[in-house]
Amino acid sequence: MAEDTKNFKVAEFACKCGCGNKIDQRVLDMAQTIREALGVPVRVNSGYRCAQHNAKVGGVKGSKHVLGLAADLSCSLGSQKMFDTVKQLKADGKLPDLDYCKKYRSWIHIDCGGKRRNMWEG
């Protein structure tokens, strides 16, 4: 079972429908590393999602959120700054569990759901 980090409560990563939480500790640890590097609060837009909630919000089939292996994060610095910071952290070896990162207009998606052909989208 996942444990709180310095700046994140496990509960922040729970399914928004209220059904529960199966978030992987690696996701919390990655979010904490990103938050420390940015130096500003980071919001958890989405963490674990049950299959029903994932469908309701338009999540992709096979989403890593359903497995508890992903989070969507945002902060006041914007998604480009977050994306660039995550890339640098990965290059510096500080996000060893990161397998994929995608930049959206106002947030980033991170996951440890297995290697993909292209690790970076954005």
N, C-alpha and C. Protein backbone atom coordinates (compact mmCIF):
# COMPACT_ATOMS: atom_id res chain seq x y z
N MET A 1 0.83 -1.19 0.00
CA MET A 1 0.00 0.00 0.00
C MET A 1 0.88 1.25 0.00
N ALA A 2 0.46 2.25 -0.74
CA ALA A 2 1.23 3.48 -0.87
C ALA A 2 1.19 4.28 0.43
N GLU A 3 2.24 5.08 0.63
CA GLU A 3 2.35 5.92 1.81
C GLU A 3 2.52 7.37 1.39
N ASP A 4 2.06 8.29 2.25
CA ASP A 4 2.21 9.71 2.00
C ASP A 4 3.68 10.07 1.82
N THR A 5 3.93 11.14 1.06
CA THR A 5 5.28 11.70 0.94
C THR A 5 5.27 13.04 1.68
N LYS A 6 6.35 13.76 1.61
CA LYS A 6 6.45 15.05 2.30
C LYS A 6 5.33 16.01 1.88
N ASN A 7 5.01 16.07 0.60
CA ASN A 7 4.05 17.05 0.11
C ASN A 7 2.76 16.46 -0.44
N PHE A 8 2.64 15.14 -0.48
CA PHE A 8 1.45 14.53 -1.07
C PHE A 8 0.85 13.50 -0.12
N LYS A 9 -0.47 13.52 -0.05
CA LYS A 9 -1.22 12.50 0.67
C LYS A 9 -1.69 11.47 -0.34
N VAL A 10 -1.66 10.21 0.02
CA VAL A 10 -2.14 9.14 -0.85
C VAL A 10 -3.57 9.45 -1.31
N ALA A 11 -4.36 10.03 -0.43
CA ALA A 11 -5.76 10.34 -0.74
C ALA A 11 -5.91 11.27 -1.94
N GLU A 12 -4.92 12.10 -2.22
CA GLU A 12 -4.98 13.01 -3.37
C GLU A 12 -5.01 12.25 -4.69
N PHE A 13 -4.57 11.01 -4.68
CA PHE A 13 -4.47 10.20 -5.89
C PHE A 13 -5.63 9.22 -6.04
N ALA A 14 -6.62 9.30 -5.14
CA ALA A 14 -7.77 8.39 -5.17
C ALA A 14 -8.68 8.71 -6.34
N CYS A 15 -9.44 7.71 -6.76
CA CYS A 15 -10.41 7.89 -7.83
C CYS A 15 -11.41 8.96 -7.43
N LYS A 16 -11.71 9.86 -8.34
CA LYS A 16 -12.61 10.99 -8.06
C LYS A 16 -14.06 10.55 -7.84
N CYS A 17 -14.41 9.32 -8.23
CA CYS A 17 -15.78 8.85 -8.00
C CYS A 17 -15.98 8.36 -6.57
N GLY A 18 -14.87 8.24 -5.83
CA GLY A 18 -14.96 7.83 -4.43
C GLY A 18 -14.89 6.34 -4.20
N CYS A 19 -14.59 5.56 -5.24
CA CYS A 19 -14.60 4.11 -5.11
C CYS A 19 -13.37 3.54 -4.41
N GLY A 20 -12.27 4.29 -4.38
CA GLY A 20 -11.08 3.77 -3.74
C GLY A 20 -9.80 4.29 -4.35
N ASN A 21 -8.72 3.59 -4.02
CA ASN A 21 -7.40 4.04 -4.44
C ASN A 21 -6.45 2.86 -4.56
N LYS A 22 -5.86 2.71 -5.72
CA LYS A 22 -4.87 1.65 -5.93
C LYS A 22 -3.60 2.24 -6.53
N ILE A 23 -3.25 3.46 -6.10
CA ILE A 23 -2.10 4.15 -6.67
C ILE A 23 -0.81 3.48 -6.23
N ASP A 24 0.12 3.39 -7.14
CA ASP A 24 1.43 2.80 -6.90
C ASP A 24 2.34 3.82 -6.21
N GLN A 25 3.12 3.38 -5.26
CA GLN A 25 4.04 4.26 -4.53
C GLN A 25 4.98 5.00 -5.47
N ARG A 26 5.37 4.37 -6.55
CA ARG A 26 6.30 5.01 -7.49
C ARG A 26 5.72 6.30 -8.06
N VAL A 27 4.40 6.36 -8.24
CA VAL A 27 3.76 7.57 -8.76
C VAL A 27 3.87 8.70 -7.74
N LEU A 28 3.61 8.41 -6.48
CA LEU A 28 3.76 9.42 -5.44
C LEU A 28 5.21 9.90 -5.35
N ASP A 29 6.14 8.97 -5.43
CA ASP A 29 7.55 9.33 -5.33
C ASP A 29 7.98 10.21 -6.51
N MET A 30 7.48 9.90 -7.71
CA MET A 30 7.80 10.74 -8.87
C MET A 30 7.21 12.13 -8.70
N ALA A 31 5.96 12.21 -8.25
CA ALA A 31 5.32 13.51 -8.04
C ALA A 31 6.10 14.32 -7.00
N GLN A 32 6.56 13.68 -5.97
CA GLN A 32 7.34 14.37 -4.93
C GLN A 32 8.65 14.90 -5.51
N THR A 33 9.34 14.11 -6.29
CA THR A 33 10.59 14.55 -6.90
C THR A 33 10.36 15.75 -7.81
N ILE A 34 9.29 15.70 -8.59
CA ILE A 34 8.95 16.81 -9.50
C ILE A 34 8.62 18.06 -8.69
N ARG A 35 7.84 17.92 -7.64
CA ARG A 35 7.46 19.05 -6.81
C ARG A 35 8.68 19.70 -6.19
N GLU A 36 9.61 18.90 -5.68
CA GLU A 36 10.82 19.44 -5.06
C GLU A 36 11.67 20.18 -6.08
N ALA A 37 11.76 19.67 -7.28
CA ALA A 37 12.55 20.31 -8.33
C ALA A 37 11.92 21.64 -8.78
N LEU A 38 10.60 21.68 -8.85
CA LEU A 38 9.91 22.90 -9.27
C LEU A 38 9.90 23.97 -8.18
N GLY A 39 9.84 23.56 -6.93
CA GLY A 39 9.83 24.49 -5.83
C GLY A 39 8.50 25.20 -5.61
N VAL A 40 7.44 24.69 -6.22
CA VAL A 40 6.09 25.24 -6.04
C VAL A 40 5.12 24.09 -5.83
N PRO A 41 3.97 24.36 -5.24
CA PRO A 41 2.97 23.29 -5.07
C PRO A 41 2.55 22.69 -6.41
N VAL A 42 2.31 21.39 -6.39
CA VAL A 42 1.86 20.65 -7.58
C VAL A 42 0.50 20.05 -7.24
N ARG A 43 -0.44 20.22 -8.16
CA ARG A 43 -1.79 19.70 -7.98
C ARG A 43 -1.93 18.35 -8.67
N VAL A 44 -2.58 17.42 -8.00
CA VAL A 44 -2.90 16.12 -8.60
C VAL A 44 -4.27 16.25 -9.26
N ASN A 45 -4.29 16.37 -10.57
CA ASN A 45 -5.56 16.48 -11.30
C ASN A 45 -6.25 15.12 -11.36
N SER A 46 -5.46 14.07 -11.51
CA SER A 46 -6.00 12.72 -11.60
C SER A 46 -4.90 11.73 -11.24
N GLY A 47 -5.27 10.72 -10.49
CA GLY A 47 -4.35 9.65 -10.14
C GLY A 47 -4.98 8.33 -10.56
N TYR A 48 -5.27 7.50 -9.57
CA TYR A 48 -5.96 6.24 -9.87
C TYR A 48 -7.37 6.54 -10.37
N ARG A 49 -7.82 5.77 -11.37
CA ARG A 49 -9.21 5.84 -11.85
C ARG A 49 -9.74 4.42 -12.02
N CYS A 50 -10.93 4.18 -11.49
CA CYS A 50 -11.57 2.89 -11.78
C CYS A 50 -11.98 2.91 -13.26
N ALA A 51 -12.28 1.76 -13.81
CA ALA A 51 -12.62 1.67 -15.24
C ALA A 51 -13.83 2.52 -15.58
N GLN A 52 -14.81 2.55 -14.69
CA GLN A 52 -16.02 3.32 -14.96
C GLN A 52 -15.73 4.82 -14.99
N HIS A 53 -14.95 5.29 -14.03
CA HIS A 53 -14.62 6.72 -14.01
C HIS A 53 -13.72 7.08 -15.19
N ASN A 54 -12.80 6.20 -15.52
CA ASN A 54 -11.93 6.44 -16.67
C ASN A 54 -12.76 6.63 -17.94
N ALA A 55 -13.76 5.79 -18.13
CA ALA A 55 -14.64 5.91 -19.31
C ALA A 55 -15.43 7.21 -19.25
N LYS A 56 -15.90 7.56 -18.06
CA LYS A 56 -16.71 8.77 -17.89
C LYS A 56 -15.93 10.03 -18.26
N VAL A 57 -14.63 10.07 -17.93
CA VAL A 57 -13.82 11.26 -18.21
C VAL A 57 -13.16 11.20 -19.58
N GLY A 58 -13.46 10.17 -20.35
CA GLY A 58 -12.88 10.06 -21.69
C GLY A 58 -11.47 9.53 -21.72
N GLY A 59 -11.07 8.82 -20.67
CA GLY A 59 -9.74 8.22 -20.63
C GLY A 59 -9.60 7.13 -21.69
N VAL A 60 -8.38 6.93 -22.15
CA VAL A 60 -8.15 5.94 -23.20
C VAL A 60 -8.29 4.53 -22.66
N LYS A 61 -8.67 3.62 -23.52
CA LYS A 61 -8.75 2.21 -23.15
C LYS A 61 -7.33 1.74 -22.83
N GLY A 62 -7.19 1.01 -21.77
CA GLY A 62 -5.87 0.54 -21.35
C GLY A 62 -5.07 1.61 -20.60
N SER A 63 -5.75 2.63 -20.13
CA SER A 63 -5.10 3.73 -19.42
C SER A 63 -4.30 3.22 -18.22
N LYS A 64 -3.13 3.78 -18.03
CA LYS A 64 -2.29 3.43 -16.88
C LYS A 64 -2.91 3.95 -15.58
N HIS A 65 -3.82 4.91 -15.68
CA HIS A 65 -4.54 5.40 -14.49
C HIS A 65 -5.34 4.26 -13.86
N VAL A 66 -5.94 3.41 -14.68
CA VAL A 66 -6.78 2.31 -14.18
C VAL A 66 -5.95 1.29 -13.40
N LEU A 67 -4.68 1.22 -13.71
CA LEU A 67 -3.78 0.31 -13.01
C LEU A 67 -3.11 0.97 -11.80
N GLY A 68 -3.38 2.27 -11.62
CA GLY A 68 -2.75 3.00 -10.52
C GLY A 68 -1.31 3.38 -10.81
N LEU A 69 -0.94 3.40 -12.08
CA LEU A 69 0.44 3.65 -12.47
C LEU A 69 0.66 5.01 -13.11
N ALA A 70 -0.31 5.93 -12.98
CA ALA A 70 -0.19 7.23 -13.65
C ALA A 70 -0.80 8.34 -12.83
N ALA A 71 -0.37 9.56 -13.15
CA ALA A 71 -0.97 10.76 -12.56
C ALA A 71 -0.89 11.89 -13.57
N ASP A 72 -1.88 12.77 -13.50
CA ASP A 72 -1.88 14.02 -14.24
C ASP A 72 -1.64 15.12 -13.24
N LEU A 73 -0.63 15.95 -13.50
CA LEU A 73 -0.19 16.96 -12.55
C LEU A 73 -0.19 18.35 -13.19
N SER A 74 -0.43 19.36 -12.37
CA SER A 74 -0.34 20.74 -12.86
C SER A 74 0.25 21.62 -11.77
N CYS A 75 0.73 22.81 -12.18
CA CYS A 75 1.24 23.78 -11.21
C CYS A 75 1.17 25.17 -11.82
N SER A 76 1.46 26.15 -11.02
CA SER A 76 1.38 27.55 -11.45
C SER A 76 2.42 27.92 -12.50
N LEU A 77 3.46 27.13 -12.66
CA LEU A 77 4.51 27.43 -13.63
C LEU A 77 4.15 27.00 -15.05
N GLY A 78 3.08 26.21 -15.20
CA GLY A 78 2.63 25.78 -16.51
C GLY A 78 3.19 24.43 -16.92
N SER A 79 2.53 23.85 -17.92
CA SER A 79 2.89 22.49 -18.33
C SER A 79 4.23 22.41 -19.06
N GLN A 80 4.61 23.45 -19.79
CA GLN A 80 5.90 23.40 -20.49
C GLN A 80 7.06 23.35 -19.49
N LYS A 81 6.99 24.18 -18.45
CA LYS A 81 8.04 24.17 -17.42
C LYS A 81 8.07 22.82 -16.71
N MET A 82 6.90 22.27 -16.43
CA MET A 82 6.86 20.95 -15.78
C MET A 82 7.48 19.90 -16.69
N PHE A 83 7.09 19.91 -17.95
CA PHE A 83 7.59 18.94 -18.93
C PHE A 83 9.11 19.03 -19.05
N ASP A 84 9.63 20.23 -19.18
CA ASP A 84 11.08 20.43 -19.29
C ASP A 84 11.79 19.96 -18.02
N THR A 85 11.20 20.22 -16.87
CA THR A 85 11.78 19.79 -15.60
C THR A 85 11.80 18.27 -15.50
N VAL A 86 10.72 17.63 -15.89
CA VAL A 86 10.67 16.16 -15.86
C VAL A 86 11.73 15.56 -16.79
N LYS A 87 11.88 16.13 -17.97
CA LYS A 87 12.92 15.65 -18.90
C LYS A 87 14.31 15.75 -18.27
N GLN A 88 14.58 16.88 -17.62
CA GLN A 88 15.89 17.07 -16.99
C GLN A 88 16.08 16.11 -15.82
N LEU A 89 15.04 15.94 -15.01
CA LEU A 89 15.13 15.00 -13.89
C LEU A 89 15.40 13.58 -14.38
N LYS A 90 14.75 13.18 -15.46
CA LYS A 90 14.98 11.85 -16.03
C LYS A 90 16.42 11.72 -16.52
N ALA A 91 16.89 12.75 -17.23
CA ALA A 91 18.26 12.74 -17.75
C ALA A 91 19.28 12.67 -16.61
N ASP A 92 18.95 13.29 -15.48
CA ASP A 92 19.84 13.30 -14.32
C ASP A 92 19.72 12.04 -13.47
N GLY A 93 18.85 11.10 -13.87
CA GLY A 93 18.69 9.86 -13.14
C GLY A 93 17.83 9.98 -11.89
N LYS A 94 17.08 11.07 -11.76
CA LYS A 94 16.28 11.29 -10.55
C LYS A 94 14.85 10.78 -10.67
N LEU A 95 14.47 10.29 -11.85
CA LEU A 95 13.14 9.69 -12.05
C LEU A 95 13.32 8.31 -12.71
N PRO A 96 13.97 7.39 -12.02
CA PRO A 96 14.26 6.09 -12.64
C PRO A 96 13.01 5.28 -13.01
N ASP A 97 11.90 5.52 -12.34
CA ASP A 97 10.68 4.76 -12.61
C ASP A 97 9.81 5.36 -13.71
N LEU A 98 10.13 6.56 -14.16
CA LEU A 98 9.34 7.21 -15.21
C LEU A 98 9.50 6.48 -16.53
N ASP A 99 8.38 6.06 -17.11
CA ASP A 99 8.38 5.38 -18.40
C ASP A 99 7.78 6.22 -19.51
N TYR A 100 6.98 7.24 -19.15
CA TYR A 100 6.28 8.01 -20.16
C TYR A 100 5.85 9.35 -19.59
N CYS A 101 5.94 10.40 -20.40
CA CYS A 101 5.48 11.72 -20.00
C CYS A 101 4.87 12.41 -21.22
N LYS A 102 3.70 12.98 -21.04
CA LYS A 102 3.03 13.72 -22.11
C LYS A 102 2.60 15.07 -21.59
N LYS A 103 2.87 16.10 -22.40
CA LYS A 103 2.48 17.46 -22.05
C LYS A 103 1.16 17.81 -22.72
N TYR A 104 0.24 18.28 -21.91
CA TYR A 104 -1.03 18.81 -22.40
C TYR A 104 -0.99 20.33 -22.22
N ARG A 105 -2.07 20.98 -22.60
CA ARG A 105 -2.11 22.44 -22.53
C ARG A 105 -1.84 22.97 -21.12
N SER A 106 -2.45 22.35 -20.12
CA SER A 106 -2.31 22.90 -18.76
C SER A 106 -1.85 21.87 -17.72
N TRP A 107 -1.46 20.69 -18.15
CA TRP A 107 -0.97 19.69 -17.20
C TRP A 107 -0.04 18.72 -17.93
N ILE A 108 0.60 17.86 -17.13
CA ILE A 108 1.40 16.78 -17.70
C ILE A 108 0.87 15.45 -17.16
N HIS A 109 1.09 14.42 -17.95
CA HIS A 109 0.77 13.05 -17.56
C HIS A 109 2.10 12.35 -17.35
N ILE A 110 2.25 11.66 -16.22
CA ILE A 110 3.43 10.83 -15.97
C ILE A 110 2.96 9.42 -15.65
N ASP A 111 3.77 8.42 -16.04
CA ASP A 111 3.43 7.07 -15.62
C ASP A 111 4.64 6.16 -15.57
N CYS A 112 4.47 5.07 -14.84
CA CYS A 112 5.48 4.03 -14.71
C CYS A 112 4.87 2.71 -15.20
N GLY A 113 4.14 2.81 -16.29
CA GLY A 113 3.38 1.68 -16.80
C GLY A 113 4.07 0.85 -17.87
N GLY A 114 5.36 0.98 -18.00
CA GLY A 114 6.09 0.20 -19.00
C GLY A 114 6.63 1.09 -20.11
N LYS A 115 7.74 0.67 -20.64
CA LYS A 115 8.40 1.43 -21.70
C LYS A 115 7.52 1.51 -22.95
N ARG A 116 7.63 2.64 -23.63
CA ARG A 116 6.93 2.84 -24.90
C ARG A 116 7.94 3.22 -25.97
N ARG A 117 7.49 3.15 -27.19
CA ARG A 117 8.37 3.50 -28.32
C ARG A 117 8.89 4.93 -28.14
N ASN A 118 8.01 5.84 -27.78
CA ASN A 118 8.39 7.23 -27.58
C ASN A 118 8.04 7.62 -26.15
N MET A 119 9.05 7.91 -25.36
CA MET A 119 8.84 8.24 -23.96
C MET A 119 8.24 9.63 -23.76
N TRP A 120 8.50 10.54 -24.66
CA TRP A 120 8.10 11.94 -24.52
C TRP A 120 7.10 12.33 -25.59
N GLU A 121 6.02 12.97 -25.17
CA GLU A 121 5.05 13.55 -26.10
C GLU A 121 4.75 14.95 -25.64
N GLY A 122 4.93 15.87 -26.53
CA GLY A 122 4.60 17.23 -26.14
C GLY A 122 5.34 18.20 -26.95
